Protein backbone atom coordinates (compact mmCIF):
# COMPACT_ATOMS: atom_id res chain seq x y z
CA MET A 1 -33.26 53.77 15.80
CA GLN A 2 -34.16 53.18 12.00
CA LYS A 3 -32.28 50.06 10.72
CA LEU A 4 -29.90 50.47 7.79
CA ASN A 5 -30.31 48.77 4.49
CA VAL A 6 -27.29 46.68 4.08
CA ALA A 7 -26.39 45.38 0.52
CA LEU A 8 -24.20 42.20 1.20
CA LEU A 9 -22.06 41.28 -1.89
CA ALA A 10 -20.46 37.98 -2.19
CA GLY A 11 -19.61 35.45 -4.93
CA GLY A 12 -18.60 37.00 -7.89
CA ILE A 13 -16.65 35.75 -10.75
CA SER A 14 -13.02 35.42 -9.68
CA SER A 15 -11.22 32.43 -8.96
CA GLU A 16 -11.65 33.03 -5.28
CA ARG A 17 -15.50 32.83 -5.55
CA GLU A 18 -16.13 30.00 -3.11
CA VAL A 19 -13.84 31.68 -0.40
CA SER A 20 -15.89 34.95 -0.97
CA LEU A 21 -19.33 32.90 -0.73
CA HIS A 22 -17.96 31.33 2.60
CA SER A 23 -17.05 34.52 3.83
CA GLY A 24 -20.34 36.35 2.99
CA GLU A 25 -22.15 33.58 4.72
CA GLN A 26 -20.46 34.22 7.94
CA VAL A 27 -20.71 38.23 7.75
CA TYR A 28 -24.21 37.69 7.16
CA GLU A 29 -24.71 35.61 10.38
CA ALA A 30 -22.68 38.03 12.26
CA LEU A 31 -24.34 41.37 11.19
CA ASP A 32 -26.60 42.73 14.02
CA LYS A 33 -30.11 41.95 12.48
CA ALA A 34 -31.55 44.57 15.07
CA LYS A 35 -29.41 47.15 13.41
CA TYR A 36 -29.68 46.07 9.57
CA ASN A 37 -31.80 44.90 7.02
CA ILE A 38 -29.40 42.55 4.78
CA LEU A 39 -29.95 42.53 1.09
CA ARG A 40 -27.99 39.88 -0.36
CA TYR A 41 -26.35 39.95 -3.99
CA ASP A 42 -24.22 37.59 -6.04
CA PRO A 43 -22.32 39.83 -8.65
CA GLN A 44 -22.39 36.71 -10.85
CA THR A 45 -26.15 37.11 -11.40
CA ASP A 46 -27.45 40.02 -9.27
CA LEU A 47 -25.89 43.20 -10.71
CA ALA A 48 -29.30 44.31 -12.63
CA ARG A 49 -31.13 43.80 -9.32
CA LEU A 50 -28.37 45.79 -7.42
CA VAL A 51 -28.56 48.60 -9.91
CA GLN A 52 -32.50 48.52 -9.46
CA ASP A 53 -32.35 48.62 -5.60
CA ALA A 54 -29.80 51.30 -5.31
CA PRO A 55 -32.15 54.09 -3.92
CA GLN A 56 -33.08 52.13 -1.06
CA ILE A 57 -29.64 50.86 -0.16
CA ASP A 58 -27.79 52.94 2.34
CA ILE A 59 -24.20 51.00 2.39
CA ALA A 60 -22.86 47.83 0.85
CA MET A 61 -20.76 45.36 2.47
CA ILE A 62 -18.24 44.25 -0.17
CA ILE A 63 -17.17 40.56 0.65
CA LEU A 64 -15.49 39.85 -2.71
CA HIS A 65 -11.96 38.90 -3.32
CA GLY A 66 -9.62 38.83 -6.48
CA PRO A 67 -10.38 40.49 -9.88
CA PHE A 68 -13.83 42.17 -10.54
CA GLY A 69 -14.44 42.59 -6.65
CA GLU A 70 -11.14 43.71 -4.86
CA ASP A 71 -9.84 45.46 -7.69
CA GLY A 72 -11.87 48.89 -7.71
CA THR A 73 -14.41 47.46 -10.53
CA VAL A 74 -17.13 47.07 -8.13
CA GLN A 75 -16.27 50.04 -6.03
CA GLY A 76 -16.46 52.26 -9.39
CA LEU A 77 -20.03 50.80 -9.90
CA LEU A 78 -21.15 51.52 -6.30
CA ASP A 79 -19.75 55.09 -6.84
CA LEU A 80 -21.76 55.57 -9.93
CA LEU A 81 -24.89 54.50 -7.98
CA ASN A 82 -23.82 56.62 -5.11
CA ILE A 83 -23.87 53.59 -2.73
CA PRO A 84 -21.36 53.96 0.49
CA TYR A 85 -19.41 50.97 0.93
CA GLN A 86 -16.67 49.73 3.41
CA GLY A 87 -13.15 49.85 2.69
CA SER A 88 -10.91 51.31 -0.05
CA GLY A 89 -12.26 53.20 -3.05
CA VAL A 90 -11.53 52.62 -6.81
CA LEU A 91 -7.94 54.08 -6.60
CA GLY A 92 -6.65 52.08 -3.39
CA SER A 93 -8.38 48.94 -4.53
CA ALA A 94 -6.84 48.98 -7.94
CA LEU A 95 -3.41 49.77 -6.85
CA ALA A 96 -3.30 47.16 -4.28
CA MET A 97 -4.70 44.52 -6.37
CA ASN A 98 -1.57 45.20 -8.71
CA LYS A 99 1.64 43.89 -7.07
CA VAL A 100 3.74 45.75 -9.43
CA ALA A 101 2.05 48.98 -8.77
CA THR A 102 2.12 48.28 -4.98
CA LYS A 103 5.79 47.78 -4.89
CA GLN A 104 6.38 51.06 -6.90
CA LEU A 105 4.57 52.95 -4.18
CA TYR A 106 6.02 51.11 -1.27
CA GLU A 107 9.44 51.93 -2.54
CA LYS A 108 8.59 55.69 -2.81
CA ALA A 109 7.36 55.37 0.87
CA GLY A 110 10.85 53.85 1.81
CA LEU A 111 9.33 50.64 2.77
CA PRO A 112 11.76 47.79 2.86
CA MET A 113 10.91 44.98 0.18
CA ILE A 114 12.30 41.89 -1.39
CA PRO A 115 14.17 42.24 -4.85
CA TYR A 116 11.96 41.58 -7.93
CA MET A 117 11.59 41.46 -11.48
CA VAL A 118 8.50 41.77 -13.87
CA TYR A 119 7.71 39.93 -17.14
CA ASP A 120 4.74 39.58 -19.63
CA ARG A 121 3.54 36.00 -19.92
CA ASP A 122 4.68 35.89 -23.61
CA GLU A 123 8.02 37.15 -23.24
CA THR A 124 11.17 34.94 -23.32
CA VAL A 125 12.75 35.07 -20.24
CA ASP A 126 16.64 34.94 -19.60
CA VAL A 127 16.67 32.33 -17.03
CA ASP A 128 20.14 33.09 -16.29
CA LYS A 129 20.16 36.63 -15.95
CA CYS A 130 16.87 36.42 -13.72
CA THR A 131 18.71 33.70 -11.35
CA ALA A 132 22.01 35.63 -11.41
CA ARG A 133 19.94 38.76 -10.24
CA LEU A 134 17.32 37.36 -7.57
CA GLY A 135 19.07 34.14 -6.88
CA LEU A 136 17.25 30.87 -6.10
CA PRO A 137 14.60 29.95 -4.69
CA LEU A 138 12.39 32.18 -6.48
CA VAL A 139 8.61 33.00 -6.00
CA VAL A 140 6.68 33.43 -9.15
CA LYS A 141 3.02 34.93 -9.03
CA PRO A 142 0.54 36.74 -11.10
CA VAL A 143 0.54 40.65 -10.55
CA ALA A 144 -3.06 40.89 -10.07
CA ALA A 145 -4.58 37.98 -8.25
CA GLY A 146 -5.19 36.98 -4.72
CA SER A 147 -4.95 34.16 -1.92
CA SER A 148 -1.57 32.68 -3.33
CA VAL A 149 -3.64 31.76 -6.79
CA GLY A 150 -1.22 30.65 -9.38
CA MET A 151 1.76 31.21 -7.07
CA SER A 152 4.95 28.92 -7.02
CA ILE A 153 8.20 28.69 -5.33
CA VAL A 154 10.92 27.79 -7.83
CA LYS A 155 13.95 25.96 -6.38
CA SER A 156 15.89 25.15 -9.81
CA ALA A 157 16.31 27.25 -12.92
CA ALA A 158 15.04 24.63 -14.85
CA ASP A 159 11.67 24.78 -13.16
CA LEU A 160 11.26 28.73 -13.77
CA GLN A 161 9.48 28.72 -17.08
CA GLY A 162 6.95 26.37 -15.85
CA ALA A 163 6.08 28.43 -13.04
CA LEU A 164 5.84 31.58 -15.45
CA VAL A 165 3.36 29.72 -17.52
CA LYS A 166 1.28 28.80 -14.54
CA ALA A 167 1.05 32.20 -13.36
CA GLY A 168 0.46 33.42 -16.63
CA GLU A 169 -2.87 31.71 -16.54
CA PHE A 170 -4.13 34.16 -14.07
CA ASP A 171 -2.79 37.32 -15.60
CA TYR A 172 -0.80 38.94 -18.33
CA THR A 173 1.76 40.11 -16.28
CA VAL A 174 3.80 37.93 -13.78
CA LEU A 175 6.17 38.86 -10.66
CA VAL A 176 9.36 37.12 -9.82
CA GLU A 177 10.76 37.69 -6.34
CA SER A 178 13.71 36.41 -4.43
CA TYR A 179 12.39 33.64 -1.83
CA ILE A 180 13.23 34.65 1.77
CA GLU A 181 12.78 31.85 4.24
CA GLY A 182 11.60 33.88 7.51
CA THR A 183 8.76 34.30 9.88
CA GLU A 184 5.51 35.26 8.24
CA LEU A 185 3.51 38.36 9.75
CA THR A 186 0.64 40.13 9.02
CA ALA A 187 -0.65 43.49 10.66
CA GLY A 188 -4.19 44.95 10.30
CA VAL A 189 -5.23 48.68 10.38
CA ILE A 190 -8.55 50.16 10.79
CA GLY A 191 -9.73 53.76 10.26
CA ASN A 192 -9.81 56.48 7.67
CA LYS A 193 -7.98 59.58 8.81
CA GLU A 194 -6.63 57.97 12.08
CA LEU A 195 -5.46 54.38 11.66
CA ASP A 196 -5.65 51.89 14.70
CA ALA A 197 -3.22 49.16 14.40
CA LEU A 198 -4.15 45.71 15.34
CA PRO A 199 -1.92 43.10 17.08
CA ILE A 200 0.33 41.42 14.74
CA ILE A 201 -0.27 37.82 13.79
CA GLU A 202 2.37 34.98 13.06
CA ILE A 203 1.51 32.47 10.39
CA ILE A 204 3.10 29.19 10.74
CA PRO A 205 1.98 26.98 7.67
CA ASP A 206 2.24 23.09 8.10
CA GLN A 207 5.35 21.74 7.25
CA SER A 208 3.78 19.99 4.23
CA TYR A 209 3.49 23.30 2.63
CA ASP A 210 6.26 25.41 1.07
CA PHE A 211 4.43 28.57 1.86
CA PHE A 212 1.30 30.12 3.00
CA ASP A 213 -0.69 28.85 -0.35
CA TYR A 214 -4.20 28.94 -1.12
CA GLU A 215 -4.87 25.54 0.65
CA ALA A 216 -2.66 26.67 3.62
CA LYS A 217 -4.92 29.64 3.79
CA TYR A 218 -8.31 27.81 3.82
CA LYS A 219 -8.09 24.19 4.81
CA ALA A 220 -8.83 23.72 8.45
CA GLY A 221 -5.73 22.91 10.67
CA ALA A 222 -3.25 23.75 7.68
CA SER A 223 -1.81 26.42 9.41
CA GLN A 224 -1.04 27.70 12.85
CA GLU A 225 -2.04 31.51 13.43
CA ILE A 226 -0.32 32.95 16.80
CA CYS A 227 -1.74 36.55 17.98
CA PRO A 228 0.04 38.44 19.25
CA ALA A 229 3.01 37.40 17.24
CA ARG A 230 6.31 35.95 19.14
CA ILE A 231 8.27 39.10 18.14
CA SER A 232 10.01 42.08 20.48
CA THR A 233 8.13 45.16 21.23
CA GLU A 234 10.21 46.99 19.05
CA LEU A 235 9.52 44.81 15.96
CA THR A 236 5.70 44.98 16.58
CA LEU A 237 5.77 48.64 16.64
CA LYS A 238 7.78 48.73 13.57
CA ALA A 239 5.58 46.51 11.84
CA GLN A 240 2.36 48.34 12.69
CA ASP A 241 4.08 51.55 11.59
CA TYR A 242 4.78 49.67 8.27
CA ALA A 243 1.21 48.56 8.04
CA ARG A 244 -0.03 52.17 8.47
CA ILE A 245 2.64 53.41 5.66
CA ALA A 246 1.40 50.77 3.35
CA HIS A 247 -2.02 51.61 3.89
CA ARG A 248 -1.68 55.33 3.24
CA ALA A 249 0.95 54.81 0.44
CA LEU A 250 -1.69 52.95 -1.69
CA PHE A 251 -4.37 55.25 -0.94
CA CYS A 252 -6.36 52.74 1.02
CA ARG A 253 -9.50 53.65 3.29
CA GLY A 254 -11.24 51.93 6.16
CA TYR A 255 -9.36 48.85 6.87
CA SER A 256 -6.44 46.92 5.16
CA ARG A 257 -4.04 44.13 6.38
CA THR A 258 -0.34 44.03 5.01
CA ASP A 259 1.70 40.89 5.00
CA MET A 260 5.41 40.94 5.89
CA ILE A 261 8.25 38.52 6.33
CA LEU A 262 10.70 38.71 9.22
CA LYS A 263 14.56 37.40 8.70
CA ASP A 264 17.57 38.19 10.91
CA ASN A 265 15.45 40.73 12.59
CA GLU A 266 14.76 42.77 9.59
CA LEU A 267 10.95 43.30 8.30
CA TYR A 268 10.17 42.92 4.40
CA VAL A 269 6.82 44.12 3.31
CA LEU A 270 5.12 41.85 0.73
CA GLU A 271 1.57 43.12 0.05
CA THR A 272 -1.45 44.72 1.25
CA ASN A 273 -5.00 43.30 1.05
CA THR A 274 -8.01 45.77 1.02
CA ILE A 275 -10.41 43.13 1.36
CA PRO A 276 -9.04 40.55 3.74
CA GLY A 277 -10.84 37.52 4.64
CA MET A 278 -13.88 38.15 6.59
CA THR A 279 -14.84 35.05 8.63
CA ALA A 280 -14.74 35.10 12.23
CA THR A 281 -11.55 33.14 12.18
CA SER A 282 -9.89 35.16 9.36
CA LEU A 283 -6.68 36.89 10.19
CA LEU A 284 -7.87 40.38 10.64
CA PRO A 285 -10.99 39.74 12.83
CA GLN A 286 -8.73 37.27 14.90
CA ALA A 287 -6.53 40.29 15.47
CA ALA A 288 -9.35 42.56 16.39
CA GLN A 289 -10.89 40.25 18.56
CA LYS A 290 -7.30 40.22 20.58
CA ALA A 291 -7.74 44.01 20.53
CA GLY A 292 -11.04 43.63 22.17
CA MET A 293 -13.48 43.74 19.32
CA SER A 294 -15.88 41.01 18.37
CA PHE A 295 -16.51 40.29 14.83
CA SER A 296 -19.88 41.78 14.86
CA GLN A 297 -18.46 44.85 16.16
CA VAL A 298 -15.58 44.87 13.60
CA LEU A 299 -18.29 44.66 10.88
CA ASP A 300 -20.19 47.78 12.70
CA ARG A 301 -17.00 49.69 12.65
CA LEU A 302 -16.43 49.27 8.91
CA ILE A 303 -20.10 50.29 8.12
CA GLU A 304 -19.31 53.32 10.50
CA LEU A 305 -16.19 54.09 8.46
CA GLY A 306 -17.75 53.42 5.03
CA LEU A 307 -20.75 55.91 5.91
CA GLU A 308 -18.20 58.44 6.98
CA ALA A 309 -15.86 58.27 4.34
CA HIS A 310 -18.97 58.81 1.84
CA ARG A 311 -20.02 61.83 3.64
CA SER A 312 -16.66 63.12 3.41
CA ARG A 313 -16.81 62.99 -0.45
CA ALA A 314 -20.34 64.35 -0.85
């Protein structure tokens, strides 16, 4: 069997560059060298070389997080170069990256969500109006950033403006949500037309963290992840169904991971990740392992789905 030439894209220019480089290294190690010739590119420095090499590339693996990687920009470039790639296209990537667009499409799909308000970073915020509508505590975060970058938990009205300024450092538009204390869950799906839902993962940040923030996500031992989650069969099936609905509502493709919170036996959908963390111990690969797929097999499946999706558009 002839080897496929796989372009592995990792690094980039977002605030999540280091996470991307780490993920990219583990993906490189896990890809089956008997099946693939792996060509490595860092979009921070190697875009010209990627364009030059395009005719010899069979598929790209995009292991980029945040803006300029997970938001449809790199996907658009690859479309122009006629290079297949794993995961969502321009539309799904852009929609899932924008938390306001995500919520609007969730609403149309009938998914349960936490109440929210949206502000521009240079807007004068009526703190009393915001807290009267959403209560306290509040969650404040940039509309288009990942890995909880720029996110804050606001416990008093006096702290709201500072949290808005912090989030505004990462995006012009800021999202403010009611804070719900509950069980954090995440649900992955894999597939194009037919979606296979993976086991649900329960996330327990260390008590020193208010929420599953950037450090809690990536610092070793900073959170506990339980798979399958300690929830009923009924809630498991509902969470998996919500993950499928969210995936389709956002026009995603290939795979995604949707985060939720459970409180008083009710699920609330938070957001969908189109390029979730891709190390062997990241959430989606963990869930896939419980379903009987090794990390290497997950990567094989994503490559197959990327090629299949590209053929369907040809």
